[in-house]
N, C-alpha and C. Protein backbone atom coordinates (compact mmCIF):
# COMPACT_ATOMS: atom_id res chain seq x y z
N MET A 1 -4.02 14.09 16.64
CA MET A 1 -3.52 13.72 15.25
C MET A 1 -4.43 14.49 14.12
N PRO A 2 -3.88 14.82 13.00
CA PRO A 2 -4.52 15.36 12.10
C PRO A 2 -5.47 14.74 11.25
N VAL A 3 -5.53 13.45 11.05
CA VAL A 3 -6.60 12.72 10.37
C VAL A 3 -7.96 12.76 10.91
N THR A 4 -8.65 13.23 9.88
CA THR A 4 -9.91 13.33 10.44
C THR A 4 -10.70 12.19 9.74
N ALA A 5 -10.30 11.60 8.91
CA ALA A 5 -10.88 10.41 8.13
C ALA A 5 -10.09 9.44 7.06
N VAL A 6 -10.44 8.39 6.94
CA VAL A 6 -9.66 7.50 5.93
C VAL A 6 -10.72 6.90 5.09
N ARG A 7 -10.73 7.18 4.04
CA ARG A 7 -11.83 6.64 2.87
C ARG A 7 -11.29 6.27 1.78
N PRO A 8 -12.25 5.22 1.18
CA PRO A 8 -11.74 4.67 -0.15
C PRO A 8 -11.22 5.62 -1.19
N ALA A 9 -10.04 5.36 -1.86
CA ALA A 9 -9.57 5.89 -2.83
C ALA A 9 -10.32 6.11 -4.06
N THR A 10 -11.53 6.77 -3.98
CA THR A 10 -12.35 6.89 -5.07
C THR A 10 -12.03 8.32 -6.04
N VAL A 11 -11.62 9.29 -5.26
CA VAL A 11 -11.45 10.49 -6.02
C VAL A 11 -9.76 10.45 -6.63
N PHE A 12 -9.78 10.47 -7.84
CA PHE A 12 -8.68 10.50 -8.51
C PHE A 12 -7.76 11.65 -8.44
N GLU A 13 -8.08 12.85 -8.15
CA GLU A 13 -7.10 14.04 -7.96
C GLU A 13 -6.78 13.77 -6.67
N ASP A 14 -7.55 13.22 -5.64
CA ASP A 14 -6.66 13.31 -4.28
C ASP A 14 -5.76 12.07 -4.48
N VAL A 15 -5.82 10.99 -5.18
CA VAL A 15 -4.89 9.85 -5.23
C VAL A 15 -3.57 10.65 -5.97
N ARG A 16 -3.79 11.30 -7.04
CA ARG A 16 -2.77 11.94 -7.66
C ARG A 16 -1.96 12.68 -6.69
N THR A 17 -2.37 13.52 -5.99
CA THR A 17 -1.64 14.37 -4.95
C THR A 17 -0.77 13.26 -4.05
N LEU A 18 -1.10 12.12 -3.96
CA LEU A 18 -0.41 11.43 -3.14
C LEU A 18 0.53 10.53 -3.75
N VAL A 19 0.28 9.89 -5.00
CA VAL A 19 1.12 8.97 -5.77
C VAL A 19 1.47 9.43 -7.12
N GLY A 20 0.84 10.76 -7.81
CA GLY A 20 1.13 11.09 -8.99
C GLY A 20 2.57 11.72 -9.27
N PRO A 21 3.28 11.59 -10.08
CA PRO A 21 4.41 12.43 -10.61
C PRO A 21 4.22 13.71 -10.48
N LYS A 22 5.14 14.52 -10.37
CA LYS A 22 5.19 16.03 -10.59
C LYS A 22 5.02 16.33 -12.12
N SER A 23 5.60 15.52 -12.89
CA SER A 23 5.39 15.81 -14.48
C SER A 23 4.60 14.54 -15.12
N PRO A 24 3.37 14.92 -15.55
CA PRO A 24 2.53 14.03 -16.21
C PRO A 24 3.12 13.01 -17.23
N THR A 25 4.14 13.26 -17.80
CA THR A 25 4.83 12.47 -18.66
C THR A 25 5.90 11.55 -18.18
N ALA A 26 6.06 11.61 -16.57
CA ALA A 26 6.92 10.71 -16.17
C ALA A 26 6.60 9.24 -16.27
N ASN A 27 7.37 8.20 -16.34
CA ASN A 27 7.25 6.89 -16.38
C ASN A 27 7.34 6.07 -14.94
N VAL A 28 6.89 6.96 -13.71
CA VAL A 28 7.16 6.48 -12.75
C VAL A 28 5.97 6.07 -11.69
N CYS A 29 6.03 5.71 -10.67
CA CYS A 29 5.02 5.12 -9.50
C CYS A 29 3.60 5.22 -10.01
N TRP A 30 2.81 5.91 -9.64
CA TRP A 30 1.35 5.75 -9.52
C TRP A 30 0.86 4.52 -8.68
N CYS A 31 1.72 4.15 -7.95
CA CYS A 31 1.73 2.71 -7.13
C CYS A 31 1.25 1.68 -8.07
N LEU A 32 1.59 1.73 -9.10
CA LEU A 32 1.31 0.54 -10.04
C LEU A 32 2.36 -0.51 -10.19
N SER A 33 3.67 -0.35 -9.78
CA SER A 33 4.67 -1.38 -10.09
C SER A 33 4.20 -2.82 -9.49
N HIS A 34 3.41 -2.93 -8.10
CA HIS A 34 3.10 -4.14 -7.46
C HIS A 34 1.73 -4.55 -7.83
N ARG A 35 0.99 -3.39 -8.49
CA ARG A 35 -0.46 -3.79 -8.77
C ARG A 35 -0.73 -4.57 -9.97
N VAL A 36 0.15 -4.29 -11.03
CA VAL A 36 -0.12 -4.73 -12.39
C VAL A 36 1.08 -5.77 -12.76
N PRO A 37 0.71 -6.70 -13.69
CA PRO A 37 2.01 -7.62 -14.05
C PRO A 37 2.97 -6.74 -14.49
N SER A 38 4.38 -7.34 -14.48
CA SER A 38 5.36 -6.65 -14.82
C SER A 38 5.41 -6.03 -16.35
N GLN A 39 4.86 -6.88 -17.37
CA GLN A 39 4.73 -6.44 -18.72
C GLN A 39 4.18 -5.39 -18.92
N LEU A 40 2.86 -5.33 -18.29
CA LEU A 40 1.88 -4.25 -18.30
C LEU A 40 2.58 -2.81 -17.82
N ASN A 41 3.26 -3.09 -16.68
CA ASN A 41 4.26 -1.92 -15.98
C ASN A 41 4.94 -1.39 -16.87
N GLN A 42 5.91 -2.17 -17.75
CA GLN A 42 6.69 -1.45 -18.50
C GLN A 42 5.84 -0.89 -19.81
N GLN A 43 4.73 -1.43 -20.16
CA GLN A 43 3.99 -0.82 -21.28
C GLN A 43 3.31 0.88 -20.98
N LEU A 44 3.06 0.78 -19.67
CA LEU A 44 2.19 1.98 -19.40
C LEU A 44 3.13 3.14 -19.24
N ARG A 45 3.12 4.07 -20.07
CA ARG A 45 4.31 5.07 -20.36
C ARG A 45 3.56 6.50 -19.97
N GLY A 46 4.19 7.37 -19.34
CA GLY A 46 3.59 8.56 -19.29
C GLY A 46 2.25 9.05 -18.77
N PRO A 47 1.46 9.69 -19.45
CA PRO A 47 0.07 9.90 -19.20
C PRO A 47 -0.89 8.52 -18.97
N ALA A 48 -0.43 7.56 -19.64
CA ALA A 48 -1.06 6.13 -19.55
C ALA A 48 -1.12 5.68 -18.21
N ARG A 49 -0.07 6.00 -17.47
CA ARG A 49 -0.04 5.52 -16.16
C ARG A 49 -1.06 6.16 -15.13
N GLY A 50 -1.25 7.59 -15.27
CA GLY A 50 -2.45 8.19 -14.60
C GLY A 50 -3.77 7.83 -14.93
N GLU A 51 -3.84 7.43 -16.30
CA GLU A 51 -5.15 7.11 -16.94
C GLU A 51 -5.47 5.74 -16.31
N TYR A 52 -4.55 4.77 -16.21
CA TYR A 52 -4.62 3.43 -15.69
C TYR A 52 -5.21 3.62 -14.16
N MET A 53 -4.53 4.45 -13.44
CA MET A 53 -5.06 4.62 -12.01
C MET A 53 -6.21 5.29 -11.77
N ALA A 54 -6.67 6.40 -13.01
CA ALA A 54 -8.12 6.86 -12.76
C ALA A 54 -9.11 6.10 -13.03
N ASP A 55 -8.81 4.91 -13.85
CA ASP A 55 -9.71 3.75 -13.98
C ASP A 55 -9.77 2.93 -12.83
N LEU A 56 -8.74 2.82 -12.10
CA LEU A 56 -8.80 1.81 -10.88
C LEU A 56 -9.79 2.79 -9.96
N CYS A 57 -9.73 4.09 -9.78
CA CYS A 57 -10.47 4.77 -8.82
C CYS A 57 -11.86 4.58 -9.33
N ARG A 58 -12.34 4.39 -10.47
CA ARG A 58 -13.73 4.18 -10.67
C ARG A 58 -14.44 2.68 -10.27
N GLN A 59 -13.23 1.77 -10.07
CA GLN A 59 -13.69 0.35 -9.82
C GLN A 59 -14.00 0.00 -8.50
N ASP A 60 -14.67 -0.88 -8.48
CA ASP A 60 -15.06 -1.61 -7.24
C ASP A 60 -14.30 -2.68 -6.88
N PRO A 61 -13.35 -2.89 -6.06
CA PRO A 61 -12.86 -2.04 -4.88
C PRO A 61 -12.11 -1.10 -5.72
N PRO A 62 -12.08 0.12 -5.21
CA PRO A 62 -10.93 1.19 -5.51
C PRO A 62 -9.65 0.61 -5.08
N PRO A 63 -8.55 1.34 -5.53
CA PRO A 63 -7.24 0.88 -5.62
C PRO A 63 -6.57 1.01 -4.05
N GLY A 64 -7.30 1.62 -3.10
CA GLY A 64 -6.60 1.80 -1.82
C GLY A 64 -7.49 2.76 -0.77
N VAL A 65 -6.95 3.11 0.20
CA VAL A 65 -7.50 4.23 0.89
C VAL A 65 -6.46 5.39 0.92
N LEU A 66 -7.42 6.48 1.12
CA LEU A 66 -6.73 7.74 1.61
C LEU A 66 -6.99 8.37 2.99
N ALA A 67 -5.99 9.02 3.65
CA ALA A 67 -6.23 9.47 4.89
C ALA A 67 -6.51 11.09 4.62
N TYR A 68 -7.18 11.88 5.48
CA TYR A 68 -7.64 13.06 5.18
C TYR A 68 -7.33 13.96 6.47
N ASP A 69 -6.95 14.96 6.28
CA ASP A 69 -6.94 16.24 7.38
C ASP A 69 -7.82 17.31 6.69
N GLY A 70 -9.15 17.15 7.30
CA GLY A 70 -10.24 18.01 6.68
C GLY A 70 -10.44 17.43 5.27
N ASP A 71 -10.40 18.52 4.31
CA ASP A 71 -10.48 18.00 2.90
C ASP A 71 -9.18 17.51 2.12
N GLU A 72 -8.36 17.73 2.84
CA GLU A 72 -6.88 17.58 2.44
C GLU A 72 -6.36 16.15 2.40
N PRO A 73 -5.98 15.65 1.28
CA PRO A 73 -5.35 14.13 1.37
C PRO A 73 -4.08 14.13 1.93
N VAL A 74 -4.00 13.53 2.70
CA VAL A 74 -2.43 13.47 3.39
C VAL A 74 -1.74 12.14 3.58
N GLY A 75 -2.32 11.05 3.32
CA GLY A 75 -1.88 9.49 3.20
C GLY A 75 -2.64 8.69 2.34
N TRP A 76 -1.72 7.73 1.74
CA TRP A 76 -2.49 6.69 0.78
C TRP A 76 -1.80 5.33 1.48
N ALA A 77 -2.64 4.42 1.00
CA ALA A 77 -2.17 3.04 1.50
C ALA A 77 -2.85 2.31 0.24
N ALA A 78 -2.13 1.43 -0.19
CA ALA A 78 -2.52 0.63 -1.46
C ALA A 78 -2.99 -0.88 -0.95
N VAL A 79 -4.03 -1.12 -0.92
CA VAL A 79 -4.62 -2.44 -0.62
C VAL A 79 -5.69 -3.14 -1.79
N ALA A 80 -5.45 -4.35 -1.70
CA ALA A 80 -6.39 -5.07 -2.96
C ALA A 80 -6.17 -6.68 -2.64
N PRO A 81 -6.99 -7.30 -2.93
CA PRO A 81 -6.91 -8.73 -3.00
C PRO A 81 -5.66 -9.14 -3.75
N ARG A 82 -4.61 -10.16 -3.03
CA ARG A 82 -3.63 -10.34 -3.51
C ARG A 82 -3.73 -10.91 -4.75
N THR A 83 -4.61 -11.66 -5.19
CA THR A 83 -4.75 -12.21 -6.59
C THR A 83 -4.73 -11.17 -7.84
N ALA A 84 -5.08 -9.99 -7.34
CA ALA A 84 -4.95 -8.71 -8.09
C ALA A 84 -3.78 -7.97 -8.36
N THR A 85 -2.96 -8.49 -7.56
CA THR A 85 -1.30 -7.77 -7.42
C THR A 85 -0.29 -8.61 -8.11
N ALA A 86 0.53 -7.97 -8.33
CA ALA A 86 1.96 -8.65 -8.66
C ALA A 86 2.32 -9.77 -7.72
N PHE A 87 1.81 -9.52 -6.45
CA PHE A 87 2.35 -10.42 -5.16
C PHE A 87 1.67 -11.92 -5.67
N ALA A 88 0.98 -11.94 -6.31
CA ALA A 88 0.13 -13.28 -6.63
C ALA A 88 1.19 -14.09 -7.24
N ARG A 89 2.14 -13.62 -7.85
CA ARG A 89 3.09 -14.43 -8.66
C ARG A 89 4.66 -14.05 -8.34
N ASN A 90 4.81 -13.28 -7.08
CA ASN A 90 6.16 -13.04 -6.60
C ASN A 90 6.86 -14.22 -6.12
N ARG A 91 7.98 -14.36 -6.45
CA ARG A 91 8.77 -15.49 -5.87
C ARG A 91 9.29 -15.36 -4.49
N LYS A 92 9.48 -13.84 -4.37
CA LYS A 92 10.34 -13.42 -3.02
C LYS A 92 9.43 -13.52 -2.00
N ILE A 93 8.13 -13.43 -2.12
CA ILE A 93 7.09 -13.17 -1.28
C ILE A 93 6.05 -14.39 -0.95
N PRO A 94 6.16 -15.38 -0.19
CA PRO A 94 5.73 -16.53 0.05
C PRO A 94 4.07 -16.57 0.03
N HIS A 95 3.51 -17.58 -0.37
CA HIS A 95 2.06 -17.72 -0.13
C HIS A 95 2.01 -18.74 1.36
N VAL A 96 1.24 -17.98 2.37
CA VAL A 96 1.30 -18.91 3.39
C VAL A 96 0.24 -19.94 3.51
N ASP A 97 -0.77 -19.61 2.80
CA ASP A 97 -1.78 -20.70 2.70
C ASP A 97 -2.66 -20.35 1.27
N ASP A 98 -3.82 -20.97 1.20
CA ASP A 98 -4.84 -20.71 0.02
C ASP A 98 -5.82 -19.65 0.51
N LEU A 99 -5.85 -19.12 1.46
CA LEU A 99 -6.84 -18.11 1.88
C LEU A 99 -6.59 -17.05 0.79
N PRO A 100 -7.79 -16.42 0.43
CA PRO A 100 -8.04 -15.41 -0.55
C PRO A 100 -7.61 -13.94 0.06
N VAL A 101 -6.28 -14.02 0.64
CA VAL A 101 -5.99 -12.80 1.45
C VAL A 101 -5.88 -11.71 0.53
N TRP A 102 -6.03 -10.27 1.21
CA TRP A 102 -5.87 -8.95 0.70
C TRP A 102 -4.32 -8.71 0.76
N SER A 103 -3.37 -7.91 0.23
CA SER A 103 -2.37 -7.32 0.35
C SER A 103 -2.40 -5.87 0.55
N LEU A 104 -1.42 -5.28 1.46
CA LEU A 104 -1.38 -4.00 1.93
C LEU A 104 0.07 -3.69 1.60
N TRP A 105 0.52 -3.03 0.59
CA TRP A 105 1.89 -2.93 0.25
C TRP A 105 2.69 -1.65 0.07
N CYS A 106 1.87 -0.65 0.29
CA CYS A 106 2.47 0.66 -0.07
C CYS A 106 1.62 1.68 0.99
N LEU A 107 2.66 2.36 1.70
CA LEU A 107 2.00 3.45 2.58
C LEU A 107 2.85 4.88 2.13
N ARG A 108 2.06 5.88 2.09
CA ARG A 108 2.85 7.09 1.73
C ARG A 108 2.12 8.02 2.38
N VAL A 109 3.02 9.05 2.98
CA VAL A 109 2.28 10.30 3.72
C VAL A 109 2.91 11.42 3.15
N ARG A 110 2.44 12.55 2.98
CA ARG A 110 2.83 13.67 2.32
C ARG A 110 3.70 14.32 3.21
N PRO A 111 4.85 14.77 2.45
CA PRO A 111 5.88 15.80 3.37
C PRO A 111 5.10 16.85 4.14
N GLY A 112 5.39 17.15 5.22
CA GLY A 112 4.72 18.17 6.12
C GLY A 112 3.94 17.52 6.82
N HIS A 113 3.61 16.21 6.74
CA HIS A 113 2.53 15.48 7.59
C HIS A 113 3.23 14.41 8.22
N ARG A 114 4.31 13.88 8.13
CA ARG A 114 5.25 12.91 8.55
C ARG A 114 5.15 12.96 9.78
N LYS A 115 5.37 11.87 10.73
CA LYS A 115 5.45 11.68 12.27
C LYS A 115 4.62 12.31 12.95
N GLN A 116 3.19 11.94 12.31
CA GLN A 116 2.18 12.50 12.92
C GLN A 116 1.06 11.57 13.22
N GLY A 117 1.41 9.98 12.91
CA GLY A 117 0.78 8.99 13.25
C GLY A 117 -0.04 8.60 11.88
N ILE A 118 0.05 9.24 10.88
CA ILE A 118 -0.88 8.84 9.78
C ILE A 118 -0.62 7.67 9.40
N SER A 119 0.60 7.00 9.10
CA SER A 119 0.54 5.60 8.86
C SER A 119 -0.30 4.69 9.75
N HIS A 120 -0.31 4.81 10.83
CA HIS A 120 -1.20 4.13 11.87
C HIS A 120 -2.71 4.20 11.28
N HIS A 121 -2.95 5.42 10.97
CA HIS A 121 -4.60 5.57 10.59
C HIS A 121 -4.61 4.89 9.31
N LEU A 122 -3.69 4.88 8.29
CA LEU A 122 -3.81 4.30 7.14
C LEU A 122 -3.82 2.77 7.27
N ILE A 123 -3.02 2.00 7.92
CA ILE A 123 -3.10 0.57 8.43
C ILE A 123 -4.64 0.31 8.85
N THR A 124 -5.03 1.18 9.81
CA THR A 124 -6.35 0.52 10.39
C THR A 124 -7.45 0.87 9.57
N GLY A 125 -7.26 1.84 8.76
CA GLY A 125 -8.16 2.17 7.52
C GLY A 125 -8.20 1.10 6.41
N ALA A 126 -7.13 0.61 6.15
CA ALA A 126 -6.73 -0.61 5.08
C ALA A 126 -7.55 -1.96 5.56
N ILE A 127 -7.36 -2.21 6.92
CA ILE A 127 -7.71 -3.23 7.72
C ILE A 127 -9.21 -3.09 7.45
N ALA A 128 -9.98 -2.00 7.94
CA ALA A 128 -11.53 -2.04 7.83
C ALA A 128 -11.80 -2.02 6.36
N PHE A 129 -11.20 -1.29 5.26
CA PHE A 129 -11.39 -1.52 3.85
C PHE A 129 -11.60 -2.89 3.46
N ALA A 130 -10.50 -3.73 3.84
CA ALA A 130 -10.81 -5.20 3.44
C ALA A 130 -11.66 -6.07 4.16
N ARG A 131 -11.64 -5.62 5.20
CA ARG A 131 -12.82 -6.33 6.16
C ARG A 131 -14.15 -6.30 5.65
N ASP A 132 -14.58 -4.82 5.13
CA ASP A 132 -15.83 -4.56 4.73
C ASP A 132 -16.11 -5.02 3.34
N ARG A 133 -14.96 -5.71 2.66
CA ARG A 133 -15.29 -6.31 1.44
C ARG A 133 -14.93 -7.77 1.39
N GLY A 134 -14.97 -8.16 2.94
CA GLY A 134 -15.18 -9.54 2.95
C GLY A 134 -13.75 -10.38 2.96
N ALA A 135 -12.72 -9.73 3.24
CA ALA A 135 -11.40 -10.34 3.23
C ALA A 135 -11.25 -11.23 4.44
N PRO A 136 -10.81 -12.32 4.38
CA PRO A 136 -10.63 -13.36 5.43
C PRO A 136 -9.22 -12.83 6.17
N ALA A 137 -8.49 -12.39 5.51
CA ALA A 137 -7.26 -11.80 6.26
C ALA A 137 -6.42 -10.83 5.41
N ILE A 138 -5.54 -10.14 5.79
CA ILE A 138 -4.82 -9.18 5.35
C ILE A 138 -3.27 -9.18 5.80
N GLU A 139 -2.48 -9.05 4.46
CA GLU A 139 -1.12 -9.25 4.92
C GLU A 139 -0.37 -8.13 4.11
N ALA A 140 0.85 -7.84 4.84
CA ALA A 140 1.80 -6.88 4.41
C ALA A 140 3.11 -7.43 4.44
N TYR A 141 4.11 -6.78 3.88
CA TYR A 141 5.51 -7.21 3.65
C TYR A 141 6.52 -5.88 3.89
N PRO A 142 6.27 -5.59 5.15
CA PRO A 142 7.16 -4.45 5.65
C PRO A 142 8.59 -4.68 5.76
N LEU A 143 9.31 -3.61 5.92
CA LEU A 143 10.76 -3.79 6.22
C LEU A 143 10.92 -4.34 7.72
N ASP A 144 11.98 -5.07 8.01
CA ASP A 144 12.24 -5.59 9.49
C ASP A 144 13.37 -4.94 9.60
N ASN A 145 13.33 -3.69 10.16
CA ASN A 145 14.51 -2.80 10.23
C ASN A 145 15.32 -2.58 11.73
N GLY A 146 14.17 -3.11 12.54
CA GLY A 146 14.72 -3.20 14.10
C GLY A 146 14.47 -1.60 14.40
N ASP A 147 15.81 -1.04 14.94
CA ASP A 147 15.92 0.44 15.11
C ASP A 147 16.58 0.99 14.34
N ALA A 148 17.00 0.50 13.17
CA ALA A 148 17.81 1.14 12.22
C ALA A 148 17.15 2.18 11.24
N ARG A 149 17.52 3.17 10.93
CA ARG A 149 17.06 4.34 10.31
C ARG A 149 16.62 3.79 8.73
N VAL A 150 15.64 4.22 8.16
CA VAL A 150 15.17 3.74 6.65
C VAL A 150 15.08 5.13 5.82
N ASP A 151 15.81 4.74 4.78
CA ASP A 151 15.33 6.15 3.85
C ASP A 151 14.05 6.23 3.45
N LEU A 152 13.61 7.65 3.68
CA LEU A 152 12.17 7.67 3.27
C LEU A 152 11.57 7.05 2.06
N THR A 153 12.50 7.39 1.03
CA THR A 153 11.93 6.87 -0.33
C THR A 153 11.86 5.40 -0.49
N MET A 154 12.22 4.69 0.42
CA MET A 154 12.34 3.30 0.51
C MET A 154 11.48 2.61 1.47
N ALA A 155 10.81 3.59 2.13
CA ALA A 155 10.02 3.02 3.34
C ALA A 155 8.56 2.87 2.99
N TYR A 156 8.27 2.66 1.91
CA TYR A 156 6.78 2.60 1.41
C TYR A 156 6.01 1.33 1.67
N PRO A 157 6.98 0.23 1.97
CA PRO A 157 6.32 -1.16 2.30
C PRO A 157 5.65 -1.10 3.91
N GLY A 158 6.30 0.02 4.54
CA GLY A 158 6.14 0.17 5.99
C GLY A 158 7.12 -0.71 6.93
N LEU A 159 6.78 -0.32 8.27
CA LEU A 159 7.76 -0.99 9.12
C LEU A 159 7.04 -1.87 10.02
N ARG A 160 7.90 -3.08 10.22
CA ARG A 160 7.35 -4.14 10.75
C ARG A 160 6.47 -3.72 12.01
N LYS A 161 7.23 -2.88 13.06
CA LYS A 161 6.71 -2.55 14.28
C LYS A 161 5.44 -2.01 14.06
N ASN A 162 5.05 -1.23 13.22
CA ASN A 162 3.99 -0.50 12.94
C ASN A 162 2.63 -1.30 12.68
N PHE A 163 3.13 -2.39 11.68
CA PHE A 163 1.96 -3.41 11.57
C PHE A 163 1.87 -4.18 12.82
N GLU A 164 2.86 -4.49 13.51
CA GLU A 164 2.56 -5.34 14.88
C GLU A 164 1.65 -4.40 15.69
N ARG A 165 2.00 -3.09 15.92
CA ARG A 165 1.15 -2.41 16.64
C ARG A 165 -0.40 -2.51 16.25
N ALA A 166 -0.61 -2.76 14.97
CA ALA A 166 -1.95 -2.93 14.46
C ALA A 166 -2.52 -4.13 14.70
N GLY A 167 -1.58 -5.19 15.23
CA GLY A 167 -2.33 -6.44 15.46
C GLY A 167 -1.76 -7.40 14.34
N PHE A 168 -0.79 -7.33 13.60
CA PHE A 168 -0.40 -8.09 12.75
C PHE A 168 0.71 -8.71 13.22
N VAL A 169 0.65 -10.14 12.84
CA VAL A 169 1.70 -11.22 13.32
C VAL A 169 2.55 -11.69 12.49
N PHE A 170 3.84 -12.16 12.65
CA PHE A 170 4.92 -12.48 11.83
C PHE A 170 4.22 -13.85 11.21
N ALA A 171 4.13 -13.99 9.92
CA ALA A 171 3.81 -15.12 9.27
C ALA A 171 4.78 -15.93 8.54
N ALA A 172 5.65 -15.19 8.08
CA ALA A 172 6.90 -15.97 7.20
C ALA A 172 7.94 -15.05 6.84
N ASP A 173 9.15 -15.48 6.81
CA ASP A 173 10.34 -14.70 6.16
C ASP A 173 9.97 -14.72 4.60
N THR A 174 10.72 -13.77 4.03
CA THR A 174 10.67 -13.46 2.48
C THR A 174 12.17 -13.64 2.02
N THR A 175 12.39 -13.59 0.84
CA THR A 175 13.85 -13.34 0.33
C THR A 175 13.85 -12.10 -0.38
N SER A 176 12.77 -11.09 0.01
CA SER A 176 12.93 -9.78 -0.50
C SER A 176 13.84 -9.04 0.35
N VAL A 177 14.62 -8.05 -0.05
CA VAL A 177 15.16 -7.11 0.77
C VAL A 177 15.15 -5.72 0.04
N LEU A 178 14.88 -4.69 0.53
CA LEU A 178 14.52 -3.10 0.05
C LEU A 178 15.43 -2.38 0.95
N SER A 179 16.40 -1.64 0.16
CA SER A 179 17.29 -0.57 0.94
C SER A 179 18.20 -1.23 2.09
N GLY A 180 18.51 -2.51 1.85
CA GLY A 180 19.55 -2.94 3.00
C GLY A 180 18.74 -3.60 4.00
N HIS A 181 17.41 -3.62 3.99
CA HIS A 181 16.52 -4.19 5.21
C HIS A 181 15.55 -5.51 4.48
N ARG A 182 15.78 -6.47 5.14
CA ARG A 182 14.90 -7.52 4.80
C ARG A 182 13.45 -7.24 4.99
N ARG A 183 12.63 -7.88 4.21
CA ARG A 183 11.00 -7.74 4.35
C ARG A 183 10.59 -9.04 5.01
N VAL A 184 9.38 -8.79 5.69
CA VAL A 184 8.77 -9.97 6.28
C VAL A 184 7.53 -10.04 5.80
N LEU A 185 6.66 -11.22 5.83
CA LEU A 185 5.20 -11.25 5.72
C LEU A 185 4.68 -11.18 7.07
N VAL A 186 3.53 -10.34 7.35
CA VAL A 186 2.93 -10.14 8.65
C VAL A 186 1.54 -10.27 8.07
N ARG A 187 0.74 -10.87 9.00
CA ARG A 187 -0.77 -10.99 8.66
C ARG A 187 -1.69 -10.88 9.69
N LEU A 188 -2.76 -10.26 9.29
CA LEU A 188 -3.92 -10.11 10.53
C LEU A 188 -5.20 -10.94 9.94
N ASP A 189 -5.51 -12.03 10.80
CA ASP A 189 -6.84 -12.59 10.36
C ASP A 189 -8.14 -11.71 10.68
N LEU A 190 -8.89 -11.61 9.92
CA LEU A 190 -10.07 -10.71 9.93
C LEU A 190 -11.28 -11.43 10.21
N ARG A 191 -11.28 -12.75 10.24
CA ARG A 191 -12.56 -13.50 10.49
C ARG A 191 -13.03 -13.62 11.78
């Protein structure tokens, strides 16, 4: 497998490579739509989105983890305390209990590096990242697609089977549906 390391996302240029839009004036992604409240997400326009992510890369904890092949960033996973995300208030994704869980909600692998197991490294790296920062549990909200194909642009929450391979267990159904596939809440106890 090409991954040589999974590290905290502290290098903004590497994060830009994975989640930054091609045009700096674009009002898309930067993996902020689930990280920030809806109103702030709407207010962050063009370059302000990248500036916000750059600031997150300087904070502790940083906004996620990056997978590397040598010095080349090839994968991204967004992971943070659930209270610091839009999932804290999301009505479609239930709260299982009052534990201060961390959320893992986005996996991205660069074209040309897919189907090489990088998402597995990202999940494992995100687990270690959360554990090292004292998380009692980590949860994710992947697609429950069975054997059905998933449009790659909508596969960012990950697939249930990949999380289960990493030790996550089903914790709850959700009312969230993405690209025709329902999402489930899976969780891994880190205590």
